[in-house]
Amino acid sequence: MDKFSDMAMFVSIVKHQGLAAAGRDLGLSPASMTARLQALEERYGVKLLNRSTRHIALTDTGSLYYQACLDILENVGEVESLMQNGVKAVKGTLKIVAPKDVGKQYILPIVADFCKQYPDIVPYVYLDDKVSNIAESGMDVVIRYGELSDSSLISRRLSASQRVLCASPEYLQKRGTPLIPGDLLNHDCLAMLRNNEALKTWHFQAKGNKSSVTVVPKRFSDDGEVIRGWALEGVGIALKSVLDVQDDINHQRLVTILDGYSKNFKSAMNTSSSNLNVVYISKQYQPKRIRLFLDFLFENFNATPTGKIGDN
């Protein structure tokens, strides 16, 4: 088999997360798929996949090969389109993942406007607060809060942000307004779950003094949009990114509290951990549709919080 066919086969294996499913897609038997994958690994003298009976995972080398395959197949597709149509058409899929709150409020409208300009691009928008292995996820663009430790990925800040404590006016009228972090122990709080861990220890800093409070949550969720909804219903106090609740604050559906303190889920109080970033895999020849979307996203994202929240 030629190298181009092997690349298409390998991409199909990763896409379908298995040799059998990829074989059905390509019209090949499981035995043929296994033999071709083994021949591919023997040709280069490296292991590309770690396989079990139920799961496959890219090795470090396999991840590099997979991304190179995607680049090459994409470029071939663009060349074929150029030859057939006489113009370099912008088409194909665009896979984006973003947190639910910011995704619904900011990203979906931008995607809609982008698709009006490029109707042959088909978007896949995943709204998910969980952070997965970006290299193996198949996503083109990942929008997320916080920093990255993976140096193989590019991360660009989309918007500065900060954490705020907020509650509905009805809740505060009924239960009173906390004046210091310790007052939260006497209030109903709403806690995020991340990787099955409850983020119930909240960290504060004011004028160089740091403190932490482990709240007793009224409710838990791994979905930031659910946390925001509970706060709007008057269930309790939430620790949220200001981007997620800025419109609610502007329309007084939510009120911020303890504004004189910096707040975070992490004791380090690194403000960049609250910023909204765009993450994508570094590619020497990035598909045109992804370059165009990234440019469009940065040009049209307008979520800078208005006004001043606290004096931190």
Protein backbone atom coordinates (compact mmCIF):
# COMPACT_ATOMS: atom_id res chain seq x y z
CA MET A 1 0.00 0.00 0.00
CA ASP A 2 1.15 3.56 -0.67
CA LYS A 3 1.94 5.99 2.11
CA PHE A 4 -1.07 8.18 1.36
CA SER A 5 -3.47 5.25 1.85
CA ASP A 6 -1.72 4.34 5.09
CA MET A 7 -2.20 7.90 6.33
CA ALA A 8 -5.92 7.80 5.52
CA MET A 9 -6.21 4.42 7.27
CA PHE A 10 -4.42 5.66 10.39
CA VAL A 11 -6.61 8.77 10.63
CA SER A 12 -9.69 6.55 10.31
CA ILE A 13 -8.46 4.30 13.14
CA VAL A 14 -8.03 7.29 15.47
CA LYS A 15 -11.33 8.84 14.37
CA HIS A 16 -13.30 5.64 15.00
CA GLN A 17 -11.27 4.69 18.08
CA GLY A 18 -10.72 1.14 16.86
CA LEU A 19 -9.51 -1.03 14.00
CA ALA A 20 -12.80 -2.87 13.48
CA ALA A 21 -14.89 0.30 13.13
CA ALA A 22 -12.28 1.90 10.86
CA GLY A 23 -12.19 -1.28 8.77
CA ARG A 24 -15.94 -1.13 8.26
CA ASP A 25 -15.58 2.47 7.13
CA LEU A 26 -12.82 1.55 4.66
CA GLY A 27 -14.27 -1.79 3.58
CA LEU A 28 -11.42 -3.82 5.07
CA SER A 29 -11.47 -6.83 7.39
CA PRO A 30 -10.10 -6.57 10.95
CA ALA A 31 -7.26 -8.90 9.96
CA SER A 32 -6.30 -6.64 7.06
CA MET A 33 -6.40 -3.58 9.28
CA THR A 34 -4.20 -5.23 11.90
CA ALA A 35 -1.70 -6.36 9.28
CA ARG A 36 -1.51 -2.91 7.70
CA LEU A 37 -1.05 -1.18 11.05
CA GLN A 38 1.71 -3.61 12.01
CA ALA A 39 3.42 -3.06 8.65
CA LEU A 40 3.20 0.70 9.14
CA GLU A 41 4.80 0.51 12.60
CA GLU A 42 7.49 -1.87 11.33
CA ARG A 43 8.30 0.42 8.42
CA TYR A 44 9.15 3.30 10.76
CA GLY A 45 10.35 1.18 13.67
CA VAL A 46 8.05 2.90 16.16
CA LYS A 47 4.86 2.14 18.06
CA LEU A 48 2.03 4.45 17.02
CA LEU A 49 -0.83 3.11 19.11
CA ASN A 50 -1.28 1.48 22.49
CA ARG A 51 -4.16 -0.96 22.11
CA SER A 52 -6.37 -2.90 24.49
CA THR A 53 -9.53 -4.87 23.81
CA ARG A 54 -11.70 -1.78 24.34
CA HIS A 55 -9.51 1.25 23.81
CA ILE A 56 -6.73 2.69 21.71
CA ALA A 57 -4.43 5.56 22.67
CA LEU A 58 -1.88 7.45 20.62
CA THR A 59 1.73 7.21 21.68
CA ASP A 60 3.76 10.44 21.60
CA THR A 61 5.11 9.46 18.18
CA GLY A 62 1.66 8.38 17.08
CA SER A 63 0.25 11.77 18.01
CA LEU A 64 2.87 13.51 15.88
CA TYR A 65 2.17 11.17 12.96
CA TYR A 66 -1.58 11.64 13.33
CA GLN A 67 -1.33 15.44 13.17
CA ALA A 68 1.00 15.23 10.17
CA CYS A 69 -1.49 12.92 8.43
CA LEU A 70 -4.32 15.37 9.06
CA ASP A 71 -2.22 18.21 7.59
CA ILE A 72 -1.26 16.26 4.49
CA LEU A 73 -4.75 14.92 3.80
CA GLU A 74 -6.18 18.41 4.27
CA ASN A 75 -3.68 19.95 1.88
CA VAL A 76 -4.36 17.27 -0.74
CA GLY A 77 -8.07 18.00 -0.44
CA GLU A 78 -7.46 21.70 -1.00
CA VAL A 79 -5.30 20.99 -4.06
CA GLU A 80 -7.98 18.70 -5.52
CA SER A 81 -10.61 21.38 -4.97
CA LEU A 82 -8.37 23.96 -6.62
CA MET A 83 -7.85 21.72 -9.65
CA GLN A 84 -11.54 20.84 -9.98
CA ASN A 85 -13.06 24.26 -9.31
CA GLY A 86 -10.34 26.63 -10.41
CA VAL A 87 -10.52 28.42 -7.04
CA LYS A 88 -9.31 27.54 -3.59
CA ALA A 89 -12.64 26.75 -1.96
CA VAL A 90 -13.03 27.10 1.78
CA LYS A 91 -14.97 24.10 2.95
CA GLY A 92 -14.82 21.17 5.34
CA THR A 93 -15.57 20.56 8.98
CA LEU A 94 -14.65 22.78 11.91
CA LYS A 95 -14.68 21.19 15.36
CA ILE A 96 -14.90 23.58 18.31
CA VAL A 97 -15.30 22.90 22.02
CA ALA A 98 -16.10 25.58 24.62
CA PRO A 99 -17.53 25.82 28.16
CA LYS A 100 -21.33 25.92 28.12
CA ASP A 101 -21.85 29.40 29.54
CA VAL A 102 -19.36 31.23 27.36
CA GLY A 103 -20.14 28.94 24.44
CA LYS A 104 -23.83 29.79 24.34
CA GLN A 105 -23.45 33.48 25.11
CA TYR A 106 -20.46 34.35 22.92
CA ILE A 107 -19.15 31.54 20.71
CA LEU A 108 -22.36 30.30 19.06
CA PRO A 109 -23.26 33.75 17.65
CA ILE A 110 -19.72 34.11 16.27
CA VAL A 111 -19.91 30.66 14.65
CA ALA A 112 -23.26 31.60 13.09
CA ASP A 113 -21.83 34.79 11.58
CA PHE A 114 -18.73 32.94 10.36
CA CYS A 115 -20.86 30.32 8.59
CA LYS A 116 -22.80 33.05 6.80
CA GLN A 117 -19.53 34.11 5.18
CA TYR A 118 -18.34 30.55 4.57
CA PRO A 119 -21.46 28.41 4.00
CA ASP A 120 -19.47 25.36 2.87
CA ILE A 121 -17.84 25.02 6.27
CA VAL A 122 -19.73 22.62 8.54
CA PRO A 123 -19.26 23.41 12.25
CA TYR A 124 -19.32 20.86 15.05
CA VAL A 125 -19.76 22.77 18.30
CA TYR A 126 -19.29 20.87 21.55
CA LEU A 127 -20.30 22.62 24.76
CA ASP A 128 -18.38 20.96 27.55
CA ASP A 129 -16.75 22.21 30.76
CA LYS A 130 -14.46 19.19 30.97
CA VAL A 131 -10.88 19.39 29.72
CA SER A 132 -9.84 16.32 27.74
CA ASN A 133 -6.71 15.30 25.88
CA ILE A 134 -6.71 17.93 23.16
CA ALA A 135 -4.33 16.05 20.85
CA GLU A 136 -6.55 12.96 20.85
CA SER A 137 -9.92 14.74 20.91
CA GLY A 138 -9.92 15.60 17.21
CA MET A 139 -10.90 19.18 18.02
CA ASP A 140 -9.62 21.99 15.79
CA VAL A 141 -10.20 24.79 18.31
CA VAL A 142 -10.53 24.47 22.09
CA ILE A 143 -11.83 27.43 24.09
CA ARG A 144 -11.19 27.10 27.80
CA TYR A 145 -10.36 28.89 31.00
CA GLY A 146 -6.89 28.66 32.49
CA GLU A 147 -3.36 27.88 31.44
CA LEU A 148 -1.72 24.93 29.74
CA SER A 149 1.22 22.78 30.69
CA ASP A 150 1.52 21.14 27.24
CA SER A 151 4.16 23.06 25.30
CA SER A 152 3.19 21.34 22.03
CA LEU A 153 -0.04 23.35 21.97
CA ILE A 154 -0.56 27.01 21.17
CA SER A 155 -2.60 29.03 23.65
CA ARG A 156 -3.73 32.59 22.92
CA ARG A 157 -5.69 34.76 25.31
CA LEU A 158 -9.15 35.53 23.99
CA SER A 159 -10.28 37.67 26.92
CA ALA A 160 -9.07 38.68 30.35
CA SER A 161 -11.35 37.56 33.15
CA GLN A 162 -11.58 37.14 36.90
CA ARG A 163 -13.57 35.11 39.40
CA VAL A 164 -16.52 36.71 41.16
CA LEU A 165 -18.83 35.58 43.94
CA CYS A 166 -22.42 36.23 42.99
CA ALA A 167 -25.96 35.57 44.13
CA SER A 168 -29.45 36.72 43.24
CA PRO A 169 -30.87 39.85 44.95
CA GLU A 170 -33.66 37.65 46.33
CA TYR A 171 -31.20 35.30 48.02
CA LEU A 172 -29.21 38.15 49.57
CA GLN A 173 -32.37 39.87 50.79
CA LYS A 174 -33.45 36.65 52.48
CA ARG A 175 -30.09 35.47 53.86
CA GLY A 176 -28.03 38.67 54.15
CA THR A 177 -24.81 39.68 52.40
CA PRO A 178 -21.46 38.15 53.46
CA LEU A 179 -18.98 40.85 54.51
CA ILE A 180 -15.89 38.69 54.99
CA PRO A 181 -14.96 35.27 53.49
CA GLY A 182 -15.68 33.48 56.79
CA ASP A 183 -19.33 34.54 56.54
CA LEU A 184 -19.74 32.06 53.68
CA LEU A 185 -19.81 29.25 56.24
CA ASN A 186 -23.29 30.45 57.18
CA HIS A 187 -24.55 30.52 53.59
CA ASP A 188 -25.72 28.10 50.92
CA CYS A 189 -22.97 27.76 48.31
CA LEU A 190 -22.89 26.14 44.88
CA ALA A 191 -19.83 24.03 44.09
CA MET A 192 -18.32 22.96 40.79
CA LEU A 193 -17.20 19.38 40.26
CA ARG A 194 -14.01 18.92 38.23
CA ASN A 195 -12.75 15.40 37.51
CA ASN A 196 -15.09 14.16 40.28
CA GLU A 197 -13.47 16.56 42.76
CA ALA A 198 -15.63 19.15 44.50
CA LEU A 199 -14.11 22.64 44.26
CA LYS A 200 -15.39 23.70 47.67
CA THR A 201 -12.26 25.35 49.10
CA TRP A 202 -12.35 28.94 47.89
CA HIS A 203 -9.27 31.15 48.16
CA PHE A 204 -9.22 34.90 48.82
CA GLN A 205 -6.68 37.68 48.84
CA ALA A 206 -7.00 41.32 49.88
CA LYS A 207 -4.14 43.80 50.32
CA GLY A 208 -1.61 40.97 50.36
CA ASN A 209 -3.43 38.92 52.98
CA LYS A 210 -4.55 35.44 51.91
CA SER A 211 -7.26 33.25 53.39
CA SER A 212 -9.21 30.14 52.44
CA VAL A 213 -12.71 28.98 53.25
CA THR A 214 -14.02 25.45 52.79
CA VAL A 215 -17.71 26.00 52.21
CA VAL A 216 -20.48 23.47 52.81
CA PRO A 217 -22.21 23.39 49.40
CA LYS A 218 -25.95 23.28 49.02
CA ARG A 219 -25.64 21.73 45.56
CA PHE A 220 -22.92 20.35 43.25
CA SER A 221 -22.61 20.16 39.47
CA ASP A 222 -19.90 19.57 36.86
CA ASP A 223 -21.72 21.97 34.53
CA GLY A 224 -21.00 25.69 34.90
CA GLU A 225 -24.27 26.60 33.22
CA VAL A 226 -26.17 24.64 35.87
CA ILE A 227 -24.31 26.48 38.64
CA ARG A 228 -25.24 29.80 37.05
CA GLY A 229 -28.88 28.70 36.71
CA TRP A 230 -29.08 27.78 40.38
CA ALA A 231 -27.63 31.16 41.35
CA LEU A 232 -30.24 32.91 39.20
CA GLU A 233 -32.98 30.85 40.90
CA GLY A 234 -31.82 32.09 44.30
CA VAL A 235 -30.51 28.72 45.49
CA GLY A 236 -27.17 30.04 46.75
CA ILE A 237 -23.83 31.77 46.13
CA ALA A 238 -21.64 30.81 43.17
CA LEU A 239 -17.96 31.39 42.35
CA LYS A 240 -17.98 32.09 38.62
CA SER A 241 -15.95 33.63 35.84
CA VAL A 242 -17.18 37.18 35.34
CA LEU A 243 -17.55 36.50 31.59
CA ASP A 244 -20.19 33.88 32.33
CA VAL A 245 -22.33 36.20 34.46
CA GLN A 246 -21.53 39.68 33.12
CA ASP A 247 -24.89 40.10 31.41
CA ASP A 248 -26.68 38.92 34.56
CA ILE A 249 -24.72 41.47 36.60
CA ASN A 250 -25.43 44.27 34.11
CA HIS A 251 -29.18 43.53 34.32
CA GLN A 252 -29.07 43.04 38.12
CA ARG A 253 -30.21 39.44 37.93
CA LEU A 254 -27.08 38.64 39.96
CA VAL A 255 -25.16 40.76 42.46
CA THR A 256 -21.46 40.40 43.20
CA ILE A 257 -20.28 40.13 46.80
CA LEU A 258 -16.92 40.40 48.61
CA ASP A 259 -15.72 42.63 45.79
CA GLY A 260 -12.70 43.79 47.76
CA TYR A 261 -11.13 40.32 47.47
CA SER A 262 -9.44 38.45 44.65
CA LYS A 263 -11.00 35.00 44.42
CA ASN A 264 -10.01 31.71 42.87
CA PHE A 265 -10.29 27.96 43.12
CA LYS A 266 -6.49 27.78 43.40
CA SER A 267 -4.45 29.13 46.29
CA ALA A 268 -1.74 30.46 43.95
CA MET A 269 -4.03 33.36 42.97
CA ASN A 270 -2.57 33.43 39.46
CA THR A 271 -4.92 35.80 37.66
CA SER A 272 -4.13 34.23 34.27
CA SER A 273 -5.81 31.01 35.46
CA SER A 274 -9.13 32.83 35.10
CA ASN A 275 -8.51 34.14 31.60
CA LEU A 276 -10.32 32.71 28.59
CA ASN A 277 -7.91 31.14 26.10
CA VAL A 278 -8.05 29.64 22.62
CA VAL A 279 -6.00 26.47 22.28
CA TYR A 280 -5.04 24.65 19.12
CA ILE A 281 -2.38 22.25 17.97
CA SER A 282 0.62 23.88 16.35
CA LYS A 283 0.65 23.04 12.67
CA GLN A 284 3.16 24.15 10.08
CA TYR A 285 0.48 24.07 7.41
CA GLN A 286 -2.75 24.80 9.19
CA PRO A 287 -5.93 24.32 7.09
CA LYS A 288 -7.23 27.57 5.72
CA ARG A 289 -10.67 27.18 7.31
CA ILE A 290 -9.11 27.01 10.78
CA ARG A 291 -6.90 30.04 10.15
CA LEU A 292 -9.91 31.98 8.91
CA PHE A 293 -12.02 31.02 11.92
CA LEU A 294 -9.30 31.93 14.41
CA ASP A 295 -8.89 35.35 12.79
CA PHE A 296 -12.67 35.82 12.76
CA LEU A 297 -12.97 34.74 16.39
CA PHE A 298 -10.37 37.19 17.67
CA GLU A 299 -11.78 40.02 15.55
CA ASN A 300 -15.37 39.51 16.71
CA PHE A 301 -15.12 38.34 20.30
CA ASN A 302 -16.29 41.29 22.36
CA ALA A 303 -16.72 40.20 25.93
CA THR A 304 -14.56 42.64 27.87
CA PRO A 305 -16.42 43.13 31.17
CA THR A 306 -17.87 46.59 31.51
CA GLY A 307 -17.40 48.56 34.66
CA LYS A 308 -15.27 47.70 37.68
CA ILE A 309 -15.93 44.74 39.89
CA GLY A 310 -14.29 45.23 43.23
CA ASP A 311 -10.93 46.87 43.76
CA ASN A 312 -8.74 43.80 43.39
